Amino acid sequence: MRLIPIALCAAGAVALLSAGCGTKTIDDGDLEQKLAELLAPQAGEDPENVSVDCPDDQEVSKGHKFDCEITATDGSKVRVVVTLTNDDGGFSATVPRDAGA
């Protein structure tokens, strides 16, 4: 089934990792799992059958945005915009209408 890039959205919180000098970063593996669990069902996909790729070492800072990519079982890819909503790992994720890769 193809992931359709329309108004899919999710919110949640992820685990944080501490780096040098007290800098907190997102646990990208935890974020990828949460995005699959939250967004795949909205597109009619089983979360176990999609893959999600997010960049490593994203610093936790309210308002920070970065892109992740979801790949469906049929190989279609969709961009997901992740926005950190606080300094404690809260996030929102949206799939923009033009997100098909």
PDB file of N, CA and C in Angstrom:
ATOM      1  N   MET A   1       0.844  -1.186   0.000  1.00  0.00           N
ATOM      2  CA  MET A   1       0.000   0.000   0.000  1.00  0.00           C
ATOM      3  C   MET A   1       0.882   1.240   0.000  1.00  0.00           C
ATOM      4  N   ARG A   2       0.512   2.198  -0.772  1.00  0.00           N
ATOM      5  CA  ARG A   2       1.287   3.435  -0.913  1.00  0.00           C
ATOM      6  C   ARG A   2       0.962   4.405   0.216  1.00  0.00           C
ATOM      7  N   LEU A   3       1.993   5.010   0.780  1.00  0.00           N
ATOM      8  CA  LEU A   3       1.792   6.078   1.754  1.00  0.00           C
ATOM      9  C   LEU A   3       1.356   7.318   0.997  1.00  0.00           C
ATOM     10  N   ILE A   4       0.240   7.869   1.352  1.00  0.00           N
ATOM     11  CA  ILE A   4      -0.275   9.045   0.670  1.00  0.00           C
ATOM     12  C   ILE A   4       0.061  10.279   1.495  1.00  0.00           C
ATOM     13  N   PRO A   5       0.811  11.230   0.938  1.00  0.00           N
ATOM     14  CA  PRO A   5       1.259  12.395   1.702  1.00  0.00           C
ATOM     15  C   PRO A   5       0.176  13.442   1.885  1.00  0.00           C
ATOM     16  N   ILE A   6      -0.803  13.151   2.736  1.00  0.00           N
ATOM     17  CA  ILE A   6      -1.838  14.136   3.028  1.00  0.00           C
ATOM     18  C   ILE A   6      -2.074  14.233   4.525  1.00  0.00           C
ATOM     19  N   ALA A   7      -1.833  15.329   5.065  1.00  0.00           N
ATOM     20  CA  ALA A   7      -2.225  15.704   6.422  1.00  0.00           C
ATOM     21  C   ALA A   7      -2.107  14.623   7.470  1.00  0.00           C
ATOM     22  N   LEU A   8      -1.172  13.712   7.345  1.00  0.00           N
ATOM     23  CA  LEU A   8      -0.926  12.787   8.431  1.00  0.00           C
ATOM     24  C   LEU A   8      -0.195  13.570   9.513  1.00  0.00           C
ATOM     25  N   CYS A   9      -0.587  13.370  10.747  1.00  0.00           N
ATOM     26  CA  CYS A   9       0.109  14.079  11.815  1.00  0.00           C
ATOM     27  C   CYS A   9       0.117  13.232  13.071  1.00  0.00           C
ATOM     28  N   ALA A  10       1.052  13.522  13.941  1.00  0.00           N
ATOM     29  CA  ALA A  10       1.192  12.783  15.182  1.00  0.00           C
ATOM     30  C   ALA A  10       1.875  13.671  16.205  1.00  0.00           C
ATOM     31  N   ALA A  11       1.713  13.290  17.443  1.00  0.00           N
ATOM     32  CA  ALA A  11       2.408  13.980  18.527  1.00  0.00           C
ATOM     33  C   ALA A  11       2.819  12.939  19.546  1.00  0.00           C
ATOM     34  N   GLY A  12       3.898  13.186  20.226  1.00  0.00           N
ATOM     35  CA  GLY A  12       4.378  12.241  21.224  1.00  0.00           C
ATOM     36  C   GLY A  12       5.603  12.776  21.916  1.00  0.00           C
ATOM     37  N   ALA A  13       6.283  11.875  22.596  1.00  0.00           N
ATOM     38  CA  ALA A  13       7.525  12.218  23.273  1.00  0.00           C
ATOM     39  C   ALA A  13       8.501  11.079  23.056  1.00  0.00           C
ATOM     40  N   VAL A  14       9.770  11.415  22.996  1.00  0.00           N
ATOM     41  CA  VAL A  14      10.806  10.416  22.767  1.00  0.00           C
ATOM     42  C   VAL A  14      11.848  10.469  23.873  1.00  0.00           C
ATOM     43  N   ALA A  15      12.609   9.402  23.938  1.00  0.00           N
ATOM     44  CA  ALA A  15      13.704   9.343  24.896  1.00  0.00           C
ATOM     45  C   ALA A  15      14.807  10.305  24.478  1.00  0.00           C
ATOM     46  N   LEU A  16      15.510  10.804  25.457  1.00  0.00           N
ATOM     47  CA  LEU A  16      16.610  11.731  25.216  1.00  0.00           C
ATOM     48  C   LEU A  16      17.921  11.084  25.606  1.00  0.00           C
ATOM     49  N   LEU A  17      18.978  11.489  24.941  1.00  0.00           N
ATOM     50  CA  LEU A  17      20.319  11.047  25.276  1.00  0.00           C
ATOM     51  C   LEU A  17      21.134  12.276  25.649  1.00  0.00           C
ATOM     52  N   SER A  18      22.037  12.131  26.599  1.00  0.00           N
ATOM     53  CA  SER A  18      22.908  13.247  26.956  1.00  0.00           C
ATOM     54  C   SER A  18      24.242  13.091  26.254  1.00  0.00           C
ATOM     55  N   ALA A  19      24.732  14.181  25.744  1.00  0.00           N
ATOM     56  CA  ALA A  19      26.047  14.199  25.098  1.00  0.00           C
ATOM     57  C   ALA A  19      26.948  15.102  25.928  1.00  0.00           C
ATOM     58  N   GLY A  20      28.124  15.338  25.446  1.00  0.00           N
ATOM     59  CA  GLY A  20      29.086  16.172  26.175  1.00  0.00           C
ATOM     60  C   GLY A  20      28.524  17.531  26.550  1.00  0.00           C
ATOM     61  N   CYS A  21      28.965  18.085  27.650  1.00  0.00           N
ATOM     62  CA  CYS A  21      28.588  19.409  28.145  1.00  0.00           C
ATOM     63  C   CYS A  21      27.086  19.520  28.410  1.00  0.00           C
ATOM     64  N   GLY A  22      26.423  18.411  28.696  1.00  0.00           N
ATOM     65  CA  GLY A  22      25.014  18.465  29.057  1.00  0.00           C
ATOM     66  C   GLY A  22      24.059  18.631  27.891  1.00  0.00           C
ATOM     67  N   THR A  23      24.549  18.582  26.656  1.00  0.00           N
ATOM     68  CA  THR A  23      23.680  18.696  25.495  1.00  0.00           C
ATOM     69  C   THR A  23      22.800  17.464  25.399  1.00  0.00           C
ATOM     70  N   LYS A  24      21.499  17.682  25.218  1.00  0.00           N
ATOM     71  CA  LYS A  24      20.569  16.579  25.057  1.00  0.00           C
ATOM     72  C   LYS A  24      20.274  16.390  23.580  1.00  0.00           C
ATOM     73  N   THR A  25      20.244  15.128  23.156  1.00  0.00           N
ATOM     74  CA  THR A  25      19.888  14.803  21.783  1.00  0.00           C
ATOM     75  C   THR A  25      18.752  13.787  21.790  1.00  0.00           C
ATOM     76  N   ILE A  26      18.039  13.736  20.672  1.00  0.00           N
ATOM     77  CA  ILE A  26      16.944  12.798  20.506  1.00  0.00           C
ATOM     78  C   ILE A  26      17.509  11.399  20.287  1.00  0.00           C
ATOM     79  N   ASP A  27      16.902  10.401  20.895  1.00  0.00           N
ATOM     80  CA  ASP A  27      17.213   9.007  20.607  1.00  0.00           C
ATOM     81  C   ASP A  27      16.524   8.697  19.277  1.00  0.00           C
ATOM     82  N   ASP A  28      17.285   8.731  18.173  1.00  0.00           N
ATOM     83  CA  ASP A  28      16.676   8.610  16.850  1.00  0.00           C
ATOM     84  C   ASP A  28      15.988   7.261  16.649  1.00  0.00           C
ATOM     85  N   GLY A  29      16.489   6.198  17.257  1.00  0.00           N
ATOM     86  CA  GLY A  29      15.841   4.891  17.150  1.00  0.00           C
ATOM     87  C   GLY A  29      14.463   4.898  17.793  1.00  0.00           C
ATOM     88  N   ASP A  30      14.355   5.536  18.946  1.00  0.00           N
ATOM     89  CA  ASP A  30      13.065   5.650  19.629  1.00  0.00           C
ATOM     90  C   ASP A  30      12.104   6.509  18.812  1.00  0.00           C
ATOM     91  N   LEU A  31      12.606   7.607  18.267  1.00  0.00           N
ATOM     92  CA  LEU A  31      11.767   8.475  17.441  1.00  0.00           C
ATOM     93  C   LEU A  31      11.269   7.730  16.204  1.00  0.00           C
ATOM     94  N   GLU A  32      12.149   7.001  15.547  1.00  0.00           N
ATOM     95  CA  GLU A  32      11.760   6.257  14.345  1.00  0.00           C
ATOM     96  C   GLU A  32      10.660   5.246  14.660  1.00  0.00           C
ATOM     97  N   GLN A  33      10.788   4.557  15.781  1.00  0.00           N
ATOM     98  CA  GLN A  33       9.769   3.588  16.190  1.00  0.00           C
ATOM     99  C   GLN A  33       8.434   4.284  16.463  1.00  0.00           C
ATOM    100  N   LYS A  34       8.476   5.397  17.183  1.00  0.00           N
ATOM    101  CA  LYS A  34       7.250   6.126  17.503  1.00  0.00           C
ATOM    102  C   LYS A  34       6.576   6.670  16.241  1.00  0.00           C
ATOM    103  N   LEU A  35       7.357   7.183  15.303  1.00  0.00           N
ATOM    104  CA  LEU A  35       6.777   7.680  14.054  1.00  0.00           C
ATOM    105  C   LEU A  35       6.096   6.557  13.290  1.00  0.00           C
ATOM    106  N   ALA A  36       6.718   5.395  13.236  1.00  0.00           N
ATOM    107  CA  ALA A  36       6.097   4.255  12.554  1.00  0.00           C
ATOM    108  C   ALA A  36       4.782   3.881  13.237  1.00  0.00           C
ATOM    109  N   GLU A  37       4.796   3.819  14.572  1.00  0.00           N
ATOM    110  CA  GLU A  37       3.591   3.449  15.322  1.00  0.00           C
ATOM    111  C   GLU A  37       2.473   4.469  15.164  1.00  0.00           C
ATOM    112  N   LEU A  38       2.819   5.736  15.084  1.00  0.00           N
ATOM    113  CA  LEU A  38       1.814   6.789  15.026  1.00  0.00           C
ATOM    114  C   LEU A  38       1.315   7.081  13.616  1.00  0.00           C
ATOM    115  N   LEU A  39       2.202   7.054  12.623  1.00  0.00           N
ATOM    116  CA  LEU A  39       1.825   7.482  11.283  1.00  0.00           C
ATOM    117  C   LEU A  39       1.420   6.344  10.343  1.00  0.00           C
ATOM    118  N   ALA A  40       2.052   5.193  10.457  1.00  0.00           N
ATOM    119  CA  ALA A  40       1.754   4.100   9.522  1.00  0.00           C
ATOM    120  C   ALA A  40       0.276   3.707   9.524  1.00  0.00           C
ATOM    121  N   PRO A  41      -0.366   3.546  10.690  1.00  0.00           N
ATOM    122  CA  PRO A  41      -1.782   3.176  10.672  1.00  0.00           C
ATOM    123  C   PRO A  41      -2.670   4.214   9.974  1.00  0.00           C
ATOM    124  N   GLN A  42      -2.296   5.484  10.049  1.00  0.00           N
ATOM    125  CA  GLN A  42      -3.080   6.527   9.380  1.00  0.00           C
ATOM    126  C   GLN A  42      -3.026   6.380   7.865  1.00  0.00           C
ATOM    127  N   ALA A  43      -1.987   5.701   7.370  1.00  0.00           N
ATOM    128  CA  ALA A  43      -1.843   5.473   5.936  1.00  0.00           C
ATOM    129  C   ALA A  43      -2.242   4.048   5.550  1.00  0.00           C
ATOM    130  N   GLY A  44      -2.832   3.309   6.511  1.00  0.00           N
ATOM    131  CA  GLY A  44      -3.259   1.951   6.233  1.00  0.00           C
ATOM    132  C   GLY A  44      -2.125   0.948   6.199  1.00  0.00           C
ATOM    133  N   GLU A  45      -1.008   1.265   6.819  1.00  0.00           N
ATOM    134  CA  GLU A  45       0.161   0.387   6.853  1.00  0.00           C
ATOM    135  C   GLU A  45       0.340  -0.194   8.254  1.00  0.00           C
ATOM    136  N   ASP A  46       0.926  -1.370   8.323  1.00  0.00           N
ATOM    137  CA  ASP A  46       1.312  -1.983   9.588  1.00  0.00           C
ATOM    138  C   ASP A  46       2.651  -1.357   9.998  1.00  0.00           C
ATOM    139  N   PRO A  47       2.747  -0.815  11.212  1.00  0.00           N
ATOM    140  CA  PRO A  47       4.012  -0.185  11.638  1.00  0.00           C
ATOM    141  C   PRO A  47       5.217  -1.116  11.531  1.00  0.00           C
ATOM    142  N   GLU A  48       5.003  -2.412  11.662  1.00  0.00           N
ATOM    143  CA  GLU A  48       6.106  -3.372  11.571  1.00  0.00           C
ATOM    144  C   GLU A  48       6.644  -3.498  10.149  1.00  0.00           C
ATOM    145  N   ASN A  49       5.858  -3.052   9.170  1.00  0.00           N
ATOM    146  CA  ASN A  49       6.242  -3.240   7.772  1.00  0.00           C
ATOM    147  C   ASN A  49       6.777  -1.981   7.098  1.00  0.00           C
ATOM    148  N   VAL A  50       6.884  -0.885   7.836  1.00  0.00           N
ATOM    149  CA  VAL A  50       7.450   0.334   7.266  1.00  0.00           C
ATOM    150  C   VAL A  50       8.810   0.586   7.905  1.00  0.00           C
ATOM    151  N   SER A  51       9.631   1.330   7.220  1.00  0.00           N
ATOM    152  CA  SER A  51      10.903   1.736   7.828  1.00  0.00           C
ATOM    153  C   SER A  51      10.926   3.256   7.905  1.00  0.00           C
ATOM    154  N   VAL A  52      11.572   3.740   8.940  1.00  0.00           N
ATOM    155  CA  VAL A  52      11.674   5.180   9.161  1.00  0.00           C
ATOM    156  C   VAL A  52      13.143   5.508   9.349  1.00  0.00           C
ATOM    157  N   ASP A  53      13.570   6.590   8.731  1.00  0.00           N
ATOM    158  CA  ASP A  53      14.958   7.025   8.860  1.00  0.00           C
ATOM    159  C   ASP A  53      14.976   8.488   9.275  1.00  0.00           C
ATOM    160  N   CYS A  54      15.551   8.748  10.446  1.00  0.00           N
ATOM    161  CA  CYS A  54      15.706  10.113  10.956  1.00  0.00           C
ATOM    162  C   CYS A  54      17.194  10.394  11.149  1.00  0.00           C
ATOM    163  N   PRO A  55      17.594  11.649  11.046  1.00  0.00           N
ATOM    164  CA  PRO A  55      19.010  11.973  11.230  1.00  0.00           C
ATOM    165  C   PRO A  55      19.455  11.766  12.680  1.00  0.00           C
ATOM    166  N   ASP A  56      20.704  11.385  12.836  1.00  0.00           N
ATOM    167  CA  ASP A  56      21.296  11.181  14.162  1.00  0.00           C
ATOM    168  C   ASP A  56      21.616  12.515  14.814  1.00  0.00           C
ATOM    169  N   ASP A  57      21.762  12.483  16.130  1.00  0.00           N
ATOM    170  CA  ASP A  57      22.303  13.594  16.915  1.00  0.00           C
ATOM    171  C   ASP A  57      21.541  14.907  16.773  1.00  0.00           C
ATOM    172  N   GLN A  58      20.214  14.835  16.727  1.00  0.00           N
ATOM    173  CA  GLN A  58      19.413  16.059  16.679  1.00  0.00           C
ATOM    174  C   GLN A  58      19.293  16.626  18.088  1.00  0.00           C
ATOM    175  N   GLU A  59      19.771  17.849  18.263  1.00  0.00           N
ATOM    176  CA  GLU A  59      19.757  18.482  19.573  1.00  0.00           C
ATOM    177  C   GLU A  59      18.327  18.831  19.978  1.00  0.00           C
ATOM    178  N   VAL A  60      18.028  18.598  21.252  1.00  0.00           N
ATOM    179  CA  VAL A  60      16.700  18.886  21.780  1.00  0.00           C
ATOM    180  C   VAL A  60      16.606  20.370  22.106  1.00  0.00           C
ATOM    181  N   SER A  61      15.751  21.040  21.371  1.00  0.00           N
ATOM    182  CA  SER A  61      15.518  22.466  21.570  1.00  0.00           C
ATOM    183  C   SER A  61      14.134  22.774  21.024  1.00  0.00           C
ATOM    184  N   LYS A  62      13.282  23.319  21.860  1.00  0.00           N
ATOM    185  CA  LYS A  62      11.913  23.627  21.440  1.00  0.00           C
ATOM    186  C   LYS A  62      11.924  24.420  20.135  1.00  0.00           C
ATOM    187  N   GLY A  63      11.114  23.961  19.168  1.00  0.00           N
ATOM    188  CA  GLY A  63      11.019  24.626  17.881  1.00  0.00           C
ATOM    189  C   GLY A  63      11.951  24.072  16.815  1.00  0.00           C
ATOM    190  N   HIS A  64      12.935  23.254  17.220  1.00  0.00           N
ATOM    191  CA  HIS A  64      13.870  22.669  16.249  1.00  0.00           C
ATOM    192  C   HIS A  64      13.105  21.758  15.294  1.00  0.00           C
ATOM    193  N   LYS A  65      13.363  21.898  13.987  1.00  0.00           N
ATOM    194  CA  LYS A  65      12.705  21.090  12.965  1.00  0.00           C
ATOM    195  C   LYS A  65      13.735  20.314  12.167  1.00  0.00           C
ATOM    196  N   PHE A  66      13.355  19.117  11.766  1.00  0.00           N
ATOM    197  CA  PHE A  66      14.180  18.307  10.885  1.00  0.00           C
ATOM    198  C   PHE A  66      13.283  17.311  10.165  1.00  0.00           C
ATOM    199  N   ASP A  67      13.803  16.749   9.082  1.00  0.00           N
ATOM    200  CA  ASP A  67      13.034  15.808   8.270  1.00  0.00           C
ATOM    201  C   ASP A  67      13.435  14.371   8.558  1.00  0.00           C
ATOM    202  N   CYS A  68      12.433  13.497   8.524  1.00  0.00           N
ATOM    203  CA  CYS A  68      12.634  12.061   8.550  1.00  0.00           C
ATOM    204  C   CYS A  68      11.981  11.516   7.279  1.00  0.00           C
ATOM    205  N   GLU A  69      12.216  10.249   6.984  1.00  0.00           N
ATOM    206  CA  GLU A  69      11.622   9.648   5.795  1.00  0.00           C
ATOM    207  C   GLU A  69      11.023   8.297   6.158  1.00  0.00           C
ATOM    208  N   ILE A  70       9.775   8.078   5.736  1.00  0.00           N
ATOM    209  CA  ILE A  70       9.106   6.793   5.929  1.00  0.00           C
ATOM    210  C   ILE A  70       9.075   6.082   4.586  1.00  0.00           C
ATOM    211  N   THR A  71       9.432   4.797   4.605  1.00  0.00           N
ATOM    212  CA  THR A  71       9.358   3.973   3.401  1.00  0.00           C
ATOM    213  C   THR A  71       8.309   2.894   3.632  1.00  0.00           C
ATOM    214  N   ALA A  72       7.307   2.842   2.750  1.00  0.00           N
ATOM    215  CA  ALA A  72       6.214   1.883   2.851  1.00  0.00           C
ATOM    216  C   ALA A  72       6.636   0.535   2.270  1.00  0.00           C
ATOM    217  N   THR A  73       5.766  -0.448   2.432  1.00  0.00           N
ATOM    218  CA  THR A  73       6.064  -1.794   1.950  1.00  0.00           C
ATOM    219  C   THR A  73       6.228  -1.851   0.440  1.00  0.00           C
ATOM    220  N   ASP A  74       5.588  -0.943  -0.287  1.00  0.00           N
ATOM    221  CA  ASP A  74       5.711  -0.947  -1.747  1.00  0.00           C
ATOM    222  C   ASP A  74       6.906  -0.125  -2.233  1.00  0.00           C
ATOM    223  N   GLY A  75       7.686   0.397  -1.295  1.00  0.00           N
ATOM    224  CA  GLY A  75       8.869   1.176  -1.647  1.00  0.00           C
ATOM    225  C   GLY A  75       8.638   2.676  -1.770  1.00  0.00           C
ATOM    226  N   SER A  76       7.371   3.104  -1.684  1.00  0.00           N
ATOM    227  CA  SER A  76       7.116   4.542  -1.753  1.00  0.00           C
ATOM    228  C   SER A  76       7.681   5.215  -0.518  1.00  0.00           C
ATOM    229  N   LYS A  77       8.159   6.450  -0.701  1.00  0.00           N
ATOM    230  CA  LYS A  77       8.796   7.204   0.380  1.00  0.00           C
ATOM    231  C   LYS A  77       8.053   8.508   0.599  1.00  0.00           C
ATOM    232  N   VAL A  78       7.975   8.897   1.876  1.00  0.00           N
ATOM    233  CA  VAL A  78       7.295  10.130   2.246  1.00  0.00           C
ATOM    234  C   VAL A  78       8.149  10.876   3.258  1.00  0.00           C
ATOM    235  N   ARG A  79       8.281  12.185   3.051  1.00  0.00           N
ATOM    236  CA  ARG A  79       9.001  13.046   3.994  1.00  0.00           C
ATOM    237  C   ARG A  79       8.089  13.386   5.163  1.00  0.00           C
ATOM    238  N   VAL A  80       8.646  13.351   6.359  1.00  0.00           N
ATOM    239  CA  VAL A  80       7.937  13.718   7.582  1.00  0.00           C
ATOM    240  C   VAL A  80       8.698  14.863   8.230  1.00  0.00           C
ATOM    241  N   VAL A  81       8.004  15.950   8.540  1.00  0.00           N
ATOM    242  CA  VAL A  81       8.630  17.085   9.212  1.00  0.00           C
ATOM    243  C   VAL A  81       8.380  16.931  10.709  1.00  0.00           C
ATOM    244  N   VAL A  82       9.455  16.802  11.467  1.00  0.00           N
ATOM    245  CA  VAL A  82       9.376  16.661  12.922  1.00  0.00           C
ATOM    246  C   VAL A  82       9.723  18.012  13.542  1.00  0.00           C
ATOM    247  N   THR A  83       8.871  18.464  14.459  1.00  0.00           N
ATOM    248  CA  THR A  83       9.111  19.706  15.187  1.00  0.00           C
ATOM    249  C   THR A  83       9.131  19.379  16.673  1.00  0.00           C
ATOM    250  N   LEU A  84      10.202  19.758  17.350  1.00  0.00           N
ATOM    251  CA  LEU A  84      10.278  19.533  18.795  1.00  0.00           C
ATOM    252  C   LEU A  84       9.414  20.576  19.497  1.00  0.00           C
ATOM    253  N   THR A  85       8.518  20.110  20.361  1.00  0.00           N
ATOM    254  CA  THR A  85       7.540  20.998  20.994  1.00  0.00           C
ATOM    255  C   THR A  85       7.946  21.474  22.376  1.00  0.00           C
ATOM    256  N   ASN A  86       9.018  20.902  22.924  1.00  0.00           N
ATOM    257  CA  ASN A  86       9.536  21.346  24.216  1.00  0.00           C
ATOM    258  C   ASN A  86      10.978  20.860  24.344  1.00  0.00           C
ATOM    259  N   ASP A  87      11.567  21.095  25.492  1.00  0.00           N
ATOM    260  CA  ASP A  87      12.958  20.682  25.709  1.00  0.00           C
ATOM    261  C   ASP A  87      13.056  19.331  26.409  1.00  0.00           C
ATOM    262  N   ASP A  88      11.930  18.597  26.450  1.00  0.00           N
ATOM    263  CA  ASP A  88      11.890  17.316  27.145  1.00  0.00           C
ATOM    264  C   ASP A  88      11.598  16.137  26.227  1.00  0.00           C
ATOM    265  N   GLY A  89      11.700  16.330  24.916  1.00  0.00           N
ATOM    266  CA  GLY A  89      11.486  15.232  23.983  1.00  0.00           C
ATOM    267  C   GLY A  89      10.114  15.200  23.344  1.00  0.00           C
ATOM    268  N   GLY A  90       9.278  16.186  23.645  1.00  0.00           N
ATOM    269  CA  GLY A  90       7.972  16.248  22.992  1.00  0.00           C
ATOM    270  C   GLY A  90       8.150  16.629  21.533  1.00  0.00           C
ATOM    271  N   PHE A  91       7.306  16.070  20.676  1.00  0.00           N
ATOM    272  CA  PHE A  91       7.411  16.393  19.254  1.00  0.00           C
ATOM    273  C   PHE A  91       6.047  16.333  18.587  1.00  0.00           C
ATOM    274  N   SER A  92       5.972  16.995  17.449  1.00  0.00           N
ATOM    275  CA  SER A  92       4.852  16.811  16.538  1.00  0.00           C
ATOM    276  C   SER A  92       5.456  16.423  15.201  1.00  0.00           C
ATOM    277  N   ALA A  93       4.693  15.701  14.413  1.00  0.00           N
ATOM    278  CA  ALA A  93       5.176  15.252  13.113  1.00  0.00           C
ATOM    279  C   ALA A  93       4.063  15.424  12.097  1.00  0.00           C
ATOM    280  N   THR A  94       4.398  15.977  10.952  1.00  0.00           N
ATOM    281  CA  THR A  94       3.423  16.163   9.894  1.00  0.00           C
ATOM    282  C   THR A  94       4.006  15.683   8.570  1.00  0.00           C
ATOM    283  N   VAL A  95       3.128  15.244   7.721  1.00  0.00           N
ATOM    284  CA  VAL A  95       3.496  14.874   6.366  1.00  0.00           C
ATOM    285  C   VAL A  95       2.906  15.933   5.449  1.00  0.00           C
ATOM    286  N   PRO A  96       3.743  16.827   4.927  1.00  0.00           N
ATOM    287  CA  PRO A  96       3.232  17.869   4.053  1.00  0.00           C
ATOM    288  C   PRO A  96       2.657  17.282   2.764  1.00  0.00           C
ATOM    289  N   ARG A  97       1.737  17.984   2.162  1.00  0.00           N
ATOM    290  CA  ARG A  97       1.089  17.507   0.936  1.00  0.00           C
ATOM    291  C   ARG A  97       2.083  17.229  -0.185  1.00  0.00           C
ATOM    292  N   ASP A  98       3.195  17.948  -0.199  1.00  0.00           N
ATOM    293  CA  ASP A  98       4.201  17.761  -1.256  1.00  0.00           C
ATOM    294  C   ASP A  98       5.309  16.824  -0.817  1.00  0.00           C
ATOM    295  N   ALA A  99       5.049  15.948   0.164  1.00  0.00           N
ATOM    296  CA  ALA A  99       6.100  15.165   0.791  1.00  0.00           C
ATOM    297  C   ALA A  99       6.510  13.911   0.041  1.00  0.00           C
ATOM    298  N   GLY A 100       5.800  13.514  -0.978  1.00  0.00           N
ATOM    299  CA  GLY A 100       6.194  12.301  -1.698  1.00  0.00           C
ATOM    300  C   GLY A 100       7.585  12.438  -2.263  1.00  0.00           C
ATOM    301  N   ALA A 101       8.355  11.379  -2.144  1.00  0.00           N
ATOM    302  CA  ALA A 101       9.733  11.434  -2.639  1.00  0.00           C
ATOM    303  C   ALA A 101       9.822  10.818  -4.012  1.00  0.00           C
TER     304      ALA A 101
END
